Each structure stands twice: as structure tokens, then as C-alpha cells.
Amino acid sequence: MKGIYLNCLCRLHGLVTARQMDKQTISQLERRLQEERRLRNSCEAQLAAERKAKKAEEAAAARAVAIAAAANK
């Protein structure tokens, strides 16, 4: 009877340990996901700013070409 009790205790301890490790892993994965989302948002904002700057630069170049064309007439 004592052997069965010890076997159950060992299995219970194993399950508790596995659960603790699972919680720790989940916590680490959640932190990693949060960091990756933050980095993605930062990259998307930077890309949007670069696109906006490029569009403004192209518009300025188009205006300069139009002004030069008008001056040559």
C-alpha cells in the first residue's frame, strides 16, 4: 500500500512540476509576443513615415519640373 501511495505522490509531483514549467513557458512566450508586436508596430510606423516622406519628395520634384517647364515656355 505504501508503494502505491509513493507512486501517486511521484506522479502528482511530476504533474505539478510540469504545470509550473508550462506556466513559465507561457509567460515567456507572452512576453516575446508582446515584444514582437511592439517591434512590428515600430517598423510599420517607420515605414509609413518613409513612404510619406518619399511621396512628399516626389511631389516637390514634380512641382520643380512643372515650374521649369513653365519657365521655358
Protein backbone atom coordinates (compact mmCIF):
# COMPACT_ATOMS: atom_id res chain seq x y z
CA MET A 1 0.00 0.00 0.00
CA LYS A 2 2.86 2.35 0.82
CA GLY A 3 4.36 1.80 -2.64
CA ILE A 4 1.12 2.82 -4.35
CA TYR A 5 0.95 5.96 -2.21
CA LEU A 6 4.53 6.91 -3.07
CA ASN A 7 3.86 6.23 -6.75
CA CYS A 8 0.86 8.55 -6.67
CA LEU A 9 2.90 11.22 -4.90
CA CYS A 10 5.64 10.96 -7.52
CA ARG A 11 3.13 11.26 -10.34
CA LEU A 12 1.44 14.21 -8.61
CA HIS A 13 4.79 15.92 -8.12
CA GLY A 14 5.60 15.35 -11.78
CA LEU A 15 2.28 16.86 -12.85
CA VAL A 16 2.71 19.87 -10.57
CA THR A 17 6.24 20.43 -11.86
CA ALA A 18 5.09 20.12 -15.47
CA ARG A 19 2.29 22.60 -14.82
CA GLN A 20 4.72 25.10 -13.30
CA MET A 21 7.03 24.73 -16.29
CA ASP A 22 4.09 25.20 -18.67
CA LYS A 23 3.08 28.40 -16.88
CA GLN A 24 6.65 29.67 -17.08
CA THR A 25 6.83 28.84 -20.80
CA ILE A 26 3.51 30.56 -21.47
CA SER A 27 4.71 33.64 -19.60
CA GLN A 28 7.93 33.74 -21.64
CA LEU A 29 6.03 33.30 -24.92
CA GLU A 30 3.58 36.06 -23.98
CA ARG A 31 6.47 38.43 -23.25
CA ARG A 32 8.13 37.52 -26.54
CA LEU A 33 4.87 38.05 -28.42
CA GLN A 34 4.36 41.43 -26.77
CA GLU A 35 7.90 42.49 -27.72
CA GLU A 36 7.46 41.30 -31.31
CA ARG A 37 4.18 43.22 -31.59
CA ARG A 38 5.88 46.35 -30.26
CA LEU A 39 8.70 45.97 -32.78
CA ARG A 40 6.25 45.35 -35.61
CA ASN A 41 4.28 48.47 -34.75
CA SER A 42 7.51 50.46 -34.62
CA CYS A 43 8.61 49.15 -38.03
CA GLU A 44 5.19 49.83 -39.56
CA ALA A 45 5.26 53.40 -38.24
CA GLN A 46 8.77 53.91 -39.61
CA LEU A 47 7.74 52.50 -42.99
CA ALA A 48 4.68 54.77 -43.12
CA ALA A 49 6.87 57.80 -42.31
CA GLU A 50 9.35 56.84 -45.03
CA ARG A 51 6.54 56.41 -47.57
CA LYS A 52 5.09 59.77 -46.62
CA ALA A 53 8.50 61.46 -46.97
CA LYS A 54 9.09 59.80 -50.34
CA LYS A 55 5.67 60.91 -51.57
CA ALA A 56 6.36 64.50 -50.45
CA GLU A 57 9.77 64.38 -52.14
CA GLU A 58 8.22 63.13 -55.39
CA ALA A 59 5.56 65.85 -55.24
CA ALA A 60 8.26 68.51 -54.72
CA ALA A 61 10.23 67.13 -57.68
CA ALA A 62 7.11 67.17 -59.85
CA ARG A 63 6.44 70.79 -58.89
CA ALA A 64 10.04 71.70 -59.72
CA VAL A 65 9.71 70.05 -63.14
CA ALA A 66 6.42 71.85 -63.76
CA ILE A 67 7.94 75.21 -62.76
CA ALA A 68 10.96 74.60 -65.00
CA ALA A 69 8.72 73.64 -67.92
CA ALA A 70 6.59 76.73 -67.41
CA ALA A 71 9.68 78.96 -67.25
CA ASN A 72 10.99 77.55 -70.53
CA LYS A 73 7.83 78.44 -72.47
